Amino acid sequence: MYNDNINFTPQDILDKDFNVDTRGYRPQEVDKFLDLVIKDYTEFNSTIKKLLKDNRILEDEIAKLKQEIRRLKDTEEIVESSTSRITNLDILKRLSSLEKTVYGKNTDI
């Protein structure tokens, strides 16, 4: 995935040999510098692998949560369509009707 843009592996850097001219760089300094580059490169590779793994885990979790949201919305729609909305007025009317039945009195509100 991310390897398409990478030119070298740590091993490529380690195995690279340079021709030495009479006016060239000191091989020891180049080797020390390349050792640091290899160390950083290895660390970057391990960080990228870890982040890709974390990303896959999070993408899976997002997919599961989206599926759960869809399921809950479907359930909500079913519940809303199957039950009529009860208002306070409906409750008061029912209570009044029950009082009339139980007490036999006319207690309109």
N, C-alpha and C. Protein backbone atom coordinates (compact mmCIF):
# COMPACT_ATOMS: atom_id res chain seq x y z
N MET A 1 0.83 -1.18 0.00
CA MET A 1 0.00 0.00 0.00
C MET A 1 0.88 1.25 0.00
N TYR A 2 1.69 1.42 1.02
CA TYR A 2 2.55 2.58 1.08
C TYR A 2 3.88 2.33 0.39
N ASN A 3 4.17 1.10 0.03
CA ASN A 3 5.46 0.74 -0.55
C ASN A 3 5.66 1.26 -1.96
N ASP A 4 4.62 1.71 -2.62
CA ASP A 4 4.74 2.19 -4.00
C ASP A 4 5.64 3.43 -4.11
N ASN A 5 5.72 4.21 -3.06
CA ASN A 5 6.49 5.45 -3.11
C ASN A 5 7.86 5.34 -2.44
N ILE A 6 8.22 4.18 -1.95
CA ILE A 6 9.49 4.01 -1.24
C ILE A 6 10.52 3.42 -2.18
N ASN A 7 11.69 4.05 -2.24
CA ASN A 7 12.75 3.61 -3.14
C ASN A 7 13.70 2.60 -2.53
N PHE A 8 13.95 2.72 -1.23
CA PHE A 8 14.96 1.88 -0.60
C PHE A 8 14.43 1.20 0.65
N THR A 9 14.99 0.05 0.94
CA THR A 9 14.75 -0.61 2.21
C THR A 9 15.97 -0.34 3.08
N PRO A 10 15.89 -0.57 4.38
CA PRO A 10 17.08 -0.39 5.21
C PRO A 10 18.25 -1.25 4.72
N GLN A 11 17.95 -2.43 4.22
CA GLN A 11 19.02 -3.31 3.72
C GLN A 11 19.67 -2.71 2.47
N ASP A 12 18.87 -2.08 1.58
CA ASP A 12 19.43 -1.43 0.39
C ASP A 12 20.44 -0.35 0.78
N ILE A 13 20.09 0.40 1.81
CA ILE A 13 20.98 1.48 2.27
C ILE A 13 22.26 0.88 2.85
N LEU A 14 22.10 -0.17 3.62
CA LEU A 14 23.25 -0.82 4.25
C LEU A 14 24.19 -1.41 3.21
N ASP A 15 23.65 -1.99 2.16
CA ASP A 15 24.46 -2.67 1.14
C ASP A 15 25.06 -1.72 0.10
N LYS A 16 24.66 -0.47 0.10
CA LYS A 16 25.14 0.47 -0.92
C LYS A 16 26.63 0.77 -0.74
N ASP A 17 27.39 0.61 -1.81
CA ASP A 17 28.82 0.94 -1.80
C ASP A 17 29.04 2.13 -2.72
N PHE A 18 29.91 3.03 -2.29
CA PHE A 18 30.24 4.20 -3.08
C PHE A 18 31.67 4.08 -3.59
N ASN A 19 31.92 4.60 -4.77
CA ASN A 19 33.28 4.65 -5.30
C ASN A 19 34.03 5.75 -4.59
N VAL A 20 35.28 5.47 -4.27
CA VAL A 20 36.10 6.45 -3.55
C VAL A 20 37.02 7.13 -4.54
N ASP A 21 36.93 8.44 -4.62
CA ASP A 21 37.84 9.24 -5.42
C ASP A 21 38.93 9.80 -4.51
N THR A 22 39.91 10.41 -5.13
CA THR A 22 40.98 11.01 -4.34
C THR A 22 40.46 12.18 -3.52
N ARG A 23 39.42 12.84 -3.99
CA ARG A 23 38.86 13.98 -3.26
C ARG A 23 37.49 13.64 -2.67
N GLY A 24 37.22 12.38 -2.39
CA GLY A 24 35.91 11.95 -1.90
C GLY A 24 35.73 12.15 -0.41
N TYR A 25 34.58 11.74 0.05
CA TYR A 25 34.26 11.82 1.47
C TYR A 25 34.97 10.72 2.24
N ARG A 26 35.07 10.90 3.54
CA ARG A 26 35.66 9.86 4.38
C ARG A 26 34.64 8.74 4.55
N PRO A 27 35.03 7.53 4.23
CA PRO A 27 34.08 6.40 4.31
C PRO A 27 33.49 6.21 5.70
N GLN A 28 34.27 6.49 6.75
CA GLN A 28 33.77 6.31 8.12
C GLN A 28 32.60 7.26 8.41
N GLU A 29 32.73 8.51 7.94
CA GLU A 29 31.65 9.48 8.16
C GLU A 29 30.40 9.09 7.39
N VAL A 30 30.60 8.65 6.17
CA VAL A 30 29.45 8.22 5.36
C VAL A 30 28.78 7.02 6.02
N ASP A 31 29.56 6.06 6.50
CA ASP A 31 29.00 4.88 7.15
C ASP A 31 28.22 5.25 8.42
N LYS A 32 28.75 6.17 9.22
CA LYS A 32 28.05 6.61 10.43
C LYS A 32 26.72 7.26 10.08
N PHE A 33 26.77 8.12 9.06
CA PHE A 33 25.55 8.79 8.66
C PHE A 33 24.52 7.79 8.12
N LEU A 34 24.97 6.87 7.28
CA LEU A 34 24.05 5.88 6.72
C LEU A 34 23.48 4.97 7.82
N ASP A 35 24.27 4.69 8.85
CA ASP A 35 23.75 3.90 9.98
C ASP A 35 22.59 4.63 10.65
N LEU A 36 22.72 5.94 10.81
CA LEU A 36 21.63 6.73 11.40
C LEU A 36 20.41 6.74 10.48
N VAL A 37 20.65 6.85 9.17
CA VAL A 37 19.54 6.83 8.21
C VAL A 37 18.82 5.49 8.27
N ILE A 38 19.58 4.40 8.34
CA ILE A 38 18.99 3.06 8.43
C ILE A 38 18.15 2.92 9.69
N LYS A 39 18.67 3.43 10.80
CA LYS A 39 17.94 3.35 12.06
C LYS A 39 16.60 4.10 11.95
N ASP A 40 16.66 5.32 11.41
CA ASP A 40 15.43 6.09 11.23
C ASP A 40 14.48 5.40 10.26
N TYR A 41 15.00 4.91 9.20
CA TYR A 41 14.21 4.24 8.17
C TYR A 41 13.49 3.02 8.75
N THR A 42 14.20 2.25 9.56
CA THR A 42 13.62 1.07 10.20
C THR A 42 12.50 1.49 11.16
N GLU A 43 12.74 2.55 11.90
CA GLU A 43 11.73 3.06 12.83
C GLU A 43 10.50 3.55 12.07
N PHE A 44 10.70 4.25 10.97
CA PHE A 44 9.58 4.72 10.15
C PHE A 44 8.77 3.54 9.62
N ASN A 45 9.46 2.51 9.15
CA ASN A 45 8.76 1.33 8.63
C ASN A 45 7.91 0.67 9.71
N SER A 46 8.45 0.51 10.90
CA SER A 46 7.68 -0.13 11.96
C SER A 46 6.51 0.76 12.39
N THR A 47 6.71 2.06 12.41
CA THR A 47 5.62 2.99 12.75
C THR A 47 4.51 2.93 11.71
N ILE A 48 4.88 2.90 10.45
CA ILE A 48 3.90 2.83 9.37
C ILE A 48 3.10 1.53 9.47
N LYS A 49 3.77 0.42 9.71
CA LYS A 49 3.08 -0.86 9.83
C LYS A 49 2.09 -0.85 10.99
N LYS A 50 2.52 -0.27 12.12
CA LYS A 50 1.64 -0.20 13.28
C LYS A 50 0.43 0.68 12.97
N LEU A 51 0.66 1.82 12.34
CA LEU A 51 -0.44 2.72 12.02
C LEU A 51 -1.41 2.11 11.01
N LEU A 52 -0.89 1.36 10.05
CA LEU A 52 -1.76 0.68 9.09
C LEU A 52 -2.63 -0.36 9.79
N LYS A 53 -2.03 -1.08 10.74
CA LYS A 53 -2.78 -2.08 11.50
C LYS A 53 -3.88 -1.39 12.33
N ASP A 54 -3.51 -0.31 13.02
CA ASP A 54 -4.48 0.45 13.81
C ASP A 54 -5.59 0.99 12.92
N ASN A 55 -5.23 1.45 11.74
CA ASN A 55 -6.21 1.99 10.80
C ASN A 55 -7.22 0.92 10.38
N ARG A 56 -6.72 -0.28 10.08
CA ARG A 56 -7.61 -1.38 9.70
C ARG A 56 -8.58 -1.71 10.84
N ILE A 57 -8.06 -1.73 12.07
CA ILE A 57 -8.90 -2.02 13.23
C ILE A 57 -9.99 -0.97 13.37
N LEU A 58 -9.61 0.30 13.22
CA LEU A 58 -10.58 1.39 13.35
C LEU A 58 -11.61 1.37 12.21
N GLU A 59 -11.17 1.04 11.00
CA GLU A 59 -12.11 0.94 9.89
C GLU A 59 -13.12 -0.18 10.13
N ASP A 60 -12.67 -1.30 10.68
CA ASP A 60 -13.58 -2.39 11.01
C ASP A 60 -14.59 -1.95 12.08
N GLU A 61 -14.09 -1.22 13.07
CA GLU A 61 -14.97 -0.74 14.13
C GLU A 61 -16.00 0.26 13.58
N ILE A 62 -15.58 1.12 12.68
CA ILE A 62 -16.50 2.08 12.06
C ILE A 62 -17.58 1.34 11.28
N ALA A 63 -17.18 0.33 10.54
CA ALA A 63 -18.16 -0.45 9.77
C ALA A 63 -19.17 -1.11 10.70
N LYS A 64 -18.71 -1.66 11.81
CA LYS A 64 -19.62 -2.29 12.77
C LYS A 64 -20.57 -1.27 13.37
N LEU A 65 -20.05 -0.09 13.71
CA LEU A 65 -20.90 0.94 14.30
C LEU A 65 -21.92 1.47 13.29
N LYS A 66 -21.53 1.61 12.03
CA LYS A 66 -22.48 2.03 11.00
C LYS A 66 -23.60 1.00 10.85
N GLN A 67 -23.22 -0.27 10.89
CA GLN A 67 -24.21 -1.34 10.79
C GLN A 67 -25.16 -1.29 11.99
N GLU A 68 -24.62 -1.04 13.17
CA GLU A 68 -25.44 -0.94 14.38
C GLU A 68 -26.39 0.25 14.28
N ILE A 69 -25.92 1.37 13.76
CA ILE A 69 -26.77 2.55 13.59
C ILE A 69 -27.92 2.24 12.64
N ARG A 70 -27.61 1.57 11.51
CA ARG A 70 -28.67 1.20 10.57
C ARG A 70 -29.70 0.29 11.23
N ARG A 71 -29.21 -0.67 12.01
CA ARG A 71 -30.11 -1.60 12.68
C ARG A 71 -31.01 -0.86 13.68
N LEU A 72 -30.42 0.07 14.44
CA LEU A 72 -31.20 0.83 15.42
C LEU A 72 -32.21 1.74 14.75
N LYS A 73 -31.84 2.34 13.61
CA LYS A 73 -32.79 3.19 12.89
C LYS A 73 -33.96 2.36 12.37
N ASP A 74 -33.66 1.18 11.86
CA ASP A 74 -34.73 0.29 11.39
C ASP A 74 -35.65 -0.09 12.55
N THR A 75 -35.07 -0.41 13.69
CA THR A 75 -35.86 -0.77 14.87
C THR A 75 -36.71 0.41 15.33
N GLU A 76 -36.13 1.60 15.31
CA GLU A 76 -36.86 2.79 15.71
C GLU A 76 -38.06 3.04 14.79
N GLU A 77 -37.84 2.87 13.49
CA GLU A 77 -38.93 3.07 12.54
C GLU A 77 -40.05 2.06 12.78
N ILE A 78 -39.69 0.82 13.07
CA ILE A 78 -40.69 -0.21 13.34
C ILE A 78 -41.49 0.13 14.58
N VAL A 79 -40.80 0.56 15.64
CA VAL A 79 -41.47 0.91 16.90
C VAL A 79 -42.38 2.11 16.69
N GLU A 80 -41.90 3.12 15.98
CA GLU A 80 -42.71 4.32 15.76
C GLU A 80 -43.95 4.02 14.92
N SER A 81 -43.80 3.16 13.95
CA SER A 81 -44.95 2.85 13.09
C SER A 81 -45.96 1.94 13.79
N SER A 82 -45.52 1.13 14.72
CA SER A 82 -46.42 0.18 15.36
C SER A 82 -47.17 0.78 16.55
N THR A 83 -46.63 1.79 17.16
CA THR A 83 -47.31 2.40 18.32
C THR A 83 -47.76 3.79 17.94
N SER A 84 -48.98 4.11 18.37
CA SER A 84 -49.46 5.47 18.12
C SER A 84 -48.89 6.37 19.19
N ARG A 85 -48.74 7.59 18.84
CA ARG A 85 -48.19 8.55 19.80
C ARG A 85 -49.26 8.93 20.82
N ILE A 86 -48.89 8.78 22.05
CA ILE A 86 -49.83 9.08 23.13
C ILE A 86 -49.47 10.45 23.70
N THR A 87 -50.45 11.32 23.75
CA THR A 87 -50.22 12.67 24.28
C THR A 87 -50.77 12.75 25.70
N ASN A 88 -50.47 13.84 26.36
CA ASN A 88 -50.99 14.06 27.71
C ASN A 88 -52.52 14.14 27.70
N LEU A 89 -53.07 14.72 26.67
CA LEU A 89 -54.52 14.83 26.57
C LEU A 89 -55.16 13.44 26.52
N ASP A 90 -54.55 12.53 25.75
CA ASP A 90 -55.06 11.16 25.68
C ASP A 90 -55.03 10.50 27.05
N ILE A 91 -53.97 10.72 27.78
CA ILE A 91 -53.84 10.13 29.12
C ILE A 91 -54.91 10.70 30.05
N LEU A 92 -55.13 12.01 29.99
CA LEU A 92 -56.15 12.62 30.85
C LEU A 92 -57.55 12.11 30.51
N LYS A 93 -57.83 11.93 29.22
CA LYS A 93 -59.13 11.40 28.82
C LYS A 93 -59.32 9.98 29.34
N ARG A 94 -58.31 9.17 29.25
CA ARG A 94 -58.39 7.79 29.75
C ARG A 94 -58.57 7.77 31.26
N LEU A 95 -57.83 8.64 31.96
CA LEU A 95 -57.94 8.72 33.41
C LEU A 95 -59.35 9.14 33.81
N SER A 96 -59.88 10.10 33.10
CA SER A 96 -61.24 10.56 33.38
C SER A 96 -62.25 9.43 33.16
N SER A 97 -62.06 8.70 32.09
CA SER A 97 -62.96 7.58 31.79
C SER A 97 -62.86 6.51 32.87
N LEU A 98 -61.67 6.24 33.34
CA LEU A 98 -61.50 5.25 34.42
C LEU A 98 -62.16 5.72 35.71
N GLU A 99 -62.02 6.99 36.03
CA GLU A 99 -62.65 7.53 37.25
C GLU A 99 -64.17 7.40 37.17
N LYS A 100 -64.71 7.67 36.01
CA LYS A 100 -66.16 7.54 35.84
C LYS A 100 -66.59 6.10 36.06
N THR A 101 -65.80 5.18 35.51
CA THR A 101 -66.13 3.76 35.62
C THR A 101 -66.01 3.29 37.08
N VAL A 102 -64.93 3.67 37.74
CA VAL A 102 -64.66 3.17 39.08
C VAL A 102 -65.57 3.84 40.10
N TYR A 103 -65.71 5.13 40.06
CA TYR A 103 -66.47 5.86 41.07
C TYR A 103 -67.91 6.11 40.65
N GLY A 104 -68.22 5.95 39.42
CA GLY A 104 -69.58 6.15 38.95
C GLY A 104 -70.00 7.60 38.97
N LYS A 105 -69.07 8.48 39.04
CA LYS A 105 -69.37 9.89 39.09
C LYS A 105 -69.01 10.54 37.77
N ASN A 106 -69.51 11.69 37.55
CA ASN A 106 -69.18 12.47 36.35
C ASN A 106 -68.11 13.46 36.72
N THR A 107 -66.85 13.10 36.52
CA THR A 107 -65.73 13.97 36.90
C THR A 107 -65.00 14.44 35.68
N ASP A 108 -65.66 15.23 34.83
CA ASP A 108 -65.00 15.76 33.62
C ASP A 108 -64.01 16.83 34.01
N ILE A 109 -62.98 16.91 33.26
CA ILE A 109 -61.95 17.92 33.50
C ILE A 109 -62.23 19.11 32.64
